PDB file of N, CA and C in Angstrom:
ATOM      1  N   MET A   1      80.719  10.698 122.851  1.00  0.00           N
ATOM      2  CA  MET A   1      81.112  11.878 123.524  1.00  0.00           C
ATOM      3  C   MET A   1      82.571  12.013 123.529  1.00  0.00           C
ATOM      4  N   ILE A   2      83.122  13.176 123.304  1.00  0.00           N
ATOM      5  CA  ILE A   2      84.445  13.554 123.351  1.00  0.00           C
ATOM      6  C   ILE A   2      84.846  13.893 124.680  1.00  0.00           C
ATOM      7  N   ASP A   3      86.021  13.182 125.228  1.00  0.00           N
ATOM      8  CA  ASP A   3      86.493  13.580 126.551  1.00  0.00           C
ATOM      9  C   ASP A   3      87.450  14.827 126.380  1.00  0.00           C
ATOM     10  N   ARG A   4      86.909  15.892 126.709  1.00  0.00           N
ATOM     11  CA  ARG A   4      87.651  17.283 126.511  1.00  0.00           C
ATOM     12  C   ARG A   4      88.958  17.205 127.377  1.00  0.00           C
ATOM     13  N   ASN A   5      89.136  16.624 128.415  1.00  0.00           N
ATOM     14  CA  ASN A   5      90.372  16.697 129.157  1.00  0.00           C
ATOM     15  C   ASN A   5      91.491  16.071 128.360  1.00  0.00           C
ATOM     16  N   SER A   6      91.080  14.917 127.945  1.00  0.00           N
ATOM     17  CA  SER A   6      92.147  14.191 127.255  1.00  0.00           C
ATOM     18  C   SER A   6      92.575  14.674 125.873  1.00  0.00           C
ATOM     19  N   ALA A   7      91.522  15.425 125.248  1.00  0.00           N
ATOM     20  CA  ALA A   7      91.709  16.120 124.010  1.00  0.00           C
ATOM     21  C   ALA A   7      92.554  17.350 124.162  1.00  0.00           C
ATOM     22  N   ASN A   8      92.155  18.206 125.455  1.00  0.00           N
ATOM     23  CA  ASN A   8      93.047  19.324 125.586  1.00  0.00           C
ATOM     24  C   ASN A   8      94.503  18.874 125.929  1.00  0.00           C
ATOM     25  N   ALA A   9      94.753  17.826 126.642  1.00  0.00           N
ATOM     26  CA  ALA A   9      96.057  17.343 127.015  1.00  0.00           C
ATOM     27  C   ALA A   9      96.794  16.853 125.792  1.00  0.00           C
ATOM     28  N   SER A  10      96.282  16.247 124.793  1.00  0.00           N
ATOM     29  CA  SER A  10      96.909  15.862 123.719  1.00  0.00           C
ATOM     30  C   SER A  10      97.233  16.887 122.873  1.00  0.00           C
ATOM     31  N   PHE A  11      96.412  17.925 122.801  1.00  0.00           N
ATOM     32  CA  PHE A  11      96.876  19.175 121.941  1.00  0.00           C
ATOM     33  C   PHE A  11      98.021  19.953 122.339  1.00  0.00           C
ATOM     34  N   TRP A  12      97.847  20.276 123.571  1.00  0.00           N
ATOM     35  CA  TRP A  12      98.957  21.020 124.170  1.00  0.00           C
ATOM     36  C   TRP A  12     100.333  20.232 124.329  1.00  0.00           C
ATOM     37  N   SER A  13     100.264  19.009 124.237  1.00  0.00           N
ATOM     38  CA  SER A  13     101.545  18.132 124.233  1.00  0.00           C
ATOM     39  C   SER A  13     101.938  17.914 122.687  1.00  0.00           C
ATOM     40  N   SER A  14     101.307  18.344 121.849  1.00  0.00           N
ATOM     41  CA  SER A  14     101.673  18.051 120.331  1.00  0.00           C
ATOM     42  C   SER A  14     102.614  19.158 119.925  1.00  0.00           C
ATOM     43  N   LYS A  15     103.001  19.080 118.694  1.00  0.00           N
ATOM     44  CA  LYS A  15     104.100  20.083 118.174  1.00  0.00           C
ATOM     45  C   LYS A  15     103.290  21.393 117.928  1.00  0.00           C
ATOM     46  N   LEU A  16     101.931  21.285 117.432  1.00  0.00           N
ATOM     47  CA  LEU A  16     101.119  22.329 117.056  1.00  0.00           C
ATOM     48  C   LEU A  16     100.765  23.141 118.365  1.00  0.00           C
ATOM     49  N   GLY A  17     100.462  22.461 119.414  1.00  0.00           N
ATOM     50  CA  GLY A  17     100.082  22.914 120.687  1.00  0.00           C
ATOM     51  C   GLY A  17     101.424  23.655 121.399  1.00  0.00           C
ATOM     52  N   GLN A  18     102.465  23.050 121.189  1.00  0.00           N
ATOM     53  CA  GLN A  18     103.710  23.762 121.773  1.00  0.00           C
ATOM     54  C   GLN A  18     104.037  24.873 120.994  1.00  0.00           C
ATOM     55  N   ALA A  19     103.769  24.975 119.648  1.00  0.00           N
ATOM     56  CA  ALA A  19     103.962  26.097 118.944  1.00  0.00           C
ATOM     57  C   ALA A  19     102.842  27.165 119.308  1.00  0.00           C
ATOM     58  N   ALA A  20     101.733  26.806 119.544  1.00  0.00           N
ATOM     59  CA  ALA A  20     100.682  27.672 119.841  1.00  0.00           C
ATOM     60  C   ALA A  20     101.045  28.494 121.245  1.00  0.00           C
ATOM     61  N   MET A  21     101.607  27.680 122.185  1.00  0.00           N
ATOM     62  CA  MET A  21     102.101  28.187 123.593  1.00  0.00           C
ATOM     63  C   MET A  21     103.175  29.283 123.366  1.00  0.00           C
ATOM     64  N   ALA A  22     104.013  28.846 122.404  1.00  0.00           N
ATOM     65  CA  ALA A  22     105.197  29.779 122.242  1.00  0.00           C
ATOM     66  C   ALA A  22     104.777  31.136 121.580  1.00  0.00           C
ATOM     67  N   SER A  23     103.759  30.956 120.652  1.00  0.00           N
ATOM     68  CA  SER A  23     103.188  32.131 120.020  1.00  0.00           C
ATOM     69  C   SER A  23     102.462  33.026 121.069  1.00  0.00           C
ATOM     70  N   ILE A  24     101.580  32.406 121.876  1.00  0.00           N
ATOM     71  CA  ILE A  24     101.013  33.149 122.993  1.00  0.00           C
ATOM     72  C   ILE A  24     101.913  33.940 123.808  1.00  0.00           C
ATOM     73  N   ALA A  25     103.117  33.081 124.299  1.00  0.00           N
ATOM     74  CA  ALA A  25     104.004  33.663 125.121  1.00  0.00           C
ATOM     75  C   ALA A  25     104.617  34.887 124.424  1.00  0.00           C
ATOM     76  N   ALA A  26     104.960  34.746 123.123  1.00  0.00           N
ATOM     77  CA  ALA A  26     105.663  35.969 122.425  1.00  0.00           C
ATOM     78  C   ALA A  26     104.814  37.197 122.321  1.00  0.00           C
ATOM     79  N   MET A  27     103.469  36.979 121.919  1.00  0.00           N
ATOM     80  CA  MET A  27     102.539  37.998 121.970  1.00  0.00           C
ATOM     81  C   MET A  27     102.490  38.703 123.230  1.00  0.00           C
ATOM     82  N   THR A  28     102.324  37.935 124.382  1.00  0.00           N
ATOM     83  CA  THR A  28     102.193  38.472 125.636  1.00  0.00           C
ATOM     84  C   THR A  28     103.407  39.340 126.061  1.00  0.00           C
ATOM     85  N   MET A  29     104.592  38.769 125.577  1.00  0.00           N
ATOM     86  CA  MET A  29     105.727  39.515 125.951  1.00  0.00           C
ATOM     87  C   MET A  29     105.736  40.888 125.285  1.00  0.00           C
ATOM     88  N   MET A  30     105.487  40.770 123.878  1.00  0.00           N
ATOM     89  CA  MET A  30     105.503  41.930 122.953  1.00  0.00           C
ATOM     90  C   MET A  30     104.616  43.001 123.612  1.00  0.00           C
ATOM     91  N   ILE A  31     103.333  42.548 124.055  1.00  0.00           N
ATOM     92  CA  ILE A  31     102.290  43.679 124.713  1.00  0.00           C
ATOM     93  C   ILE A  31     102.972  44.212 125.878  1.00  0.00           C
ATOM     94  N   LEU A  32     103.581  43.352 126.773  1.00  0.00           N
ATOM     95  CA  LEU A  32     104.103  43.897 128.033  1.00  0.00           C
ATOM     96  C   LEU A  32     105.217  44.745 127.757  1.00  0.00           C
ATOM     97  N   LEU A  33     106.125  44.510 126.695  1.00  0.00           N
ATOM     98  CA  LEU A  33     107.307  45.298 126.538  1.00  0.00           C
ATOM     99  C   LEU A  33     107.000  46.647 125.833  1.00  0.00           C
ATOM    100  N   SER A  34     105.928  46.512 124.954  1.00  0.00           N
ATOM    101  CA  SER A  34     105.718  47.795 124.213  1.00  0.00           C
ATOM    102  C   SER A  34     104.820  48.709 125.166  1.00  0.00           C
ATOM    103  N   SER A  35     104.246  48.162 126.203  1.00  0.00           N
ATOM    104  CA  SER A  35     103.458  49.185 127.076  1.00  0.00           C
ATOM    105  C   SER A  35     104.483  49.769 128.081  1.00  0.00           C
ATOM    106  N   GLN A  36     105.805  49.270 128.111  1.00  0.00           N
ATOM    107  CA  GLN A  36     106.840  49.735 128.972  1.00  0.00           C
ATOM    108  C   GLN A  36     107.572  51.008 128.250  1.00  0.00           C
ATOM    109  N   VAL A  37     107.368  51.020 126.805  1.00  0.00           N
ATOM    110  CA  VAL A  37     108.141  52.079 126.253  1.00  0.00           C
ATOM    111  C   VAL A  37     107.236  53.434 126.229  1.00  0.00           C
ATOM    112  N   GLN A  38     108.122  54.408 126.682  1.00  0.00           N
ATOM    113  CA  GLN A  38     107.477  55.729 126.846  1.00  0.00           C
ATOM    114  C   GLN A  38     108.164  56.682 126.003  1.00  0.00           C
ATOM    115  N   PRO A  39     107.489  57.586 125.184  1.00  0.00           N
ATOM    116  CA  PRO A  39     108.322  58.482 124.319  1.00  0.00           C
ATOM    117  C   PRO A  39     109.108  59.505 125.315  1.00  0.00           C
ATOM    118  N   GLY A  40     110.515  59.615 124.900  1.00  0.00           N
ATOM    119  CA  GLY A  40     111.279  60.602 125.506  1.00  0.00           C
ATOM    120  C   GLY A  40     111.122  61.906 125.303  1.00  0.00           C
ATOM    121  N   ALA A  41     111.898  62.766 125.796  1.00  0.00           N
ATOM    122  CA  ALA A  41     111.865  64.291 125.634  1.00  0.00           C
ATOM    123  C   ALA A  41     111.924  64.585 124.158  1.00  0.00           C
ATOM    124  N   ALA A  42     112.753  63.886 123.293  1.00  0.00           N
ATOM    125  CA  ALA A  42     112.795  64.290 121.975  1.00  0.00           C
ATOM    126  C   ALA A  42     111.495  64.155 121.215  1.00  0.00           C
ATOM    127  N   HIS A  43     110.810  63.176 121.650  1.00  0.00           N
ATOM    128  CA  HIS A  43     109.478  62.727 121.017  1.00  0.00           C
ATOM    129  C   HIS A  43     108.344  63.796 121.485  1.00  0.00           C
ATOM    130  N   ALA A  44     108.636  64.394 122.511  1.00  0.00           N
ATOM    131  CA  ALA A  44     107.396  65.197 123.099  1.00  0.00           C
ATOM    132  C   ALA A  44     107.532  66.431 122.619  1.00  0.00           C
ATOM    133  N   ALA A  45     108.665  67.009 122.003  1.00  0.00           N
ATOM    134  CA  ALA A  45     108.914  68.366 121.619  1.00  0.00           C
ATOM    135  C   ALA A  45     107.993  68.403 120.287  1.00  0.00           C
ATOM    136  N   PRO A  46     107.340  69.650 120.009  1.00  0.00           N
ATOM    137  CA  PRO A  46     106.606  69.851 118.823  1.00  0.00           C
ATOM    138  C   PRO A  46     107.570  70.102 117.659  1.00  0.00           C
ATOM    139  N   MET A  47     107.119  69.674 116.511  1.00  0.00           N
ATOM    140  CA  MET A  47     107.782  69.838 115.265  1.00  0.00           C
ATOM    141  C   MET A  47     107.822  71.235 114.890  1.00  0.00           C
ATOM    142  N   ALA A  48     108.921  71.862 114.446  1.00  0.00           N
ATOM    143  CA  ALA A  48     109.041  73.199 113.954  1.00  0.00           C
ATOM    144  C   ALA A  48     108.321  73.256 112.508  1.00  0.00           C
ATOM    145  N   HIS A  49     107.604  74.289 112.282  1.00  0.00           N
ATOM    146  CA  HIS A  49     106.990  74.414 110.989  1.00  0.00           C
ATOM    147  C   HIS A  49     107.508  75.789 110.366  1.00  0.00           C
ATOM    148  N   PRO A  50     107.926  75.936 109.191  1.00  0.00           N
ATOM    149  CA  PRO A  50     108.537  77.071 108.663  1.00  0.00           C
ATOM    150  C   PRO A  50     107.507  78.070 108.487  1.00  0.00           C
ATOM    151  N   ALA A  51     106.249  77.842 108.274  1.00  0.00           N
ATOM    152  CA  ALA A  51     105.188  78.784 108.107  1.00  0.00           C
ATOM    153  C   ALA A  51     104.846  79.583 109.245  1.00  0.00           C
ATOM    154  N   ALA A  52     105.111  78.786 110.473  1.00  0.00           N
ATOM    155  CA  ALA A  52     104.712  79.442 111.731  1.00  0.00           C
ATOM    156  C   ALA A  52     105.439  80.819 112.062  1.00  0.00           C
ATOM    157  N   GLU A  53     106.554  80.919 111.482  1.00  0.00           N
ATOM    158  CA  GLU A  53     107.547  82.147 111.820  1.00  0.00           C
ATOM    159  C   GLU A  53     106.937  83.142 110.840  1.00  0.00           C
ATOM    160  N   ALA A  54     106.263  83.045 109.708  1.00  0.00           N
ATOM    161  CA  ALA A  54     105.836  84.070 108.890  1.00  0.00           C
ATOM    162  C   ALA A  54     104.518  84.708 109.431  1.00  0.00           C
ATOM    163  N   GLY A  55     103.806  84.096 110.417  1.00  0.00           N
ATOM    164  CA  GLY A  55     102.614  84.723 110.970  1.00  0.00           C
ATOM    165  C   GLY A  55     101.242  84.408 110.291  1.00  0.00           C
ATOM    166  N   SER A  56     101.190  83.765 109.144  1.00  0.00           N
ATOM    167  CA  SER A  56     100.121  83.317 108.518  1.00  0.00           C
ATOM    168  C   SER A  56     100.124  81.839 108.139  1.00  0.00           C
ATOM    169  N   MET A  57      99.107  81.156 108.375  1.00  0.00           N
ATOM    170  CA  MET A  57      98.963  79.770 107.997  1.00  0.00           C
ATOM    171  C   MET A  57      97.833  79.645 107.021  1.00  0.00           C
ATOM    172  N   ILE A  58      98.179  78.676 106.022  1.00  0.00           N
ATOM    173  CA  ILE A  58      97.165  78.717 104.992  1.00  0.00           C
ATOM    174  C   ILE A  58      96.601  77.008 105.023  1.00  0.00           C
ATOM    175  N   GLU A  59      95.469  76.661 105.114  1.00  0.00           N
ATOM    176  CA  GLU A  59      95.051  75.219 105.053  1.00  0.00           C
ATOM    177  C   GLU A  59      94.528  74.853 103.725  1.00  0.00           C
ATOM    178  N   ILE A  60      95.156  73.885 103.019  1.00  0.00           N
ATOM    179  CA  ILE A  60      94.740  73.491 101.801  1.00  0.00           C
ATOM    180  C   ILE A  60      93.925  72.159 102.087  1.00  0.00           C
ATOM    181  N   ALA A  61      92.616  72.245 101.531  1.00  0.00           N
ATOM    182  CA  ALA A  61      91.706  71.038 101.719  1.00  0.00           C
ATOM    183  C   ALA A  61      91.876  70.156 100.621  1.00  0.00           C
TER     184      ALA A  61
END
């Protein structure tokens, strides 16, 4: 039978385990920081379309 506590402890103390912890921390920070970014007023403005001033729109399928 494998002693899971000693196996877990040896993995996290190895170089691969430390790299895994660094990767998990980096992904967590990326998610937290990307959820903080909100589009500004420039991104909220609709894009101007030249055909809108002509009064007719043609949709090409």
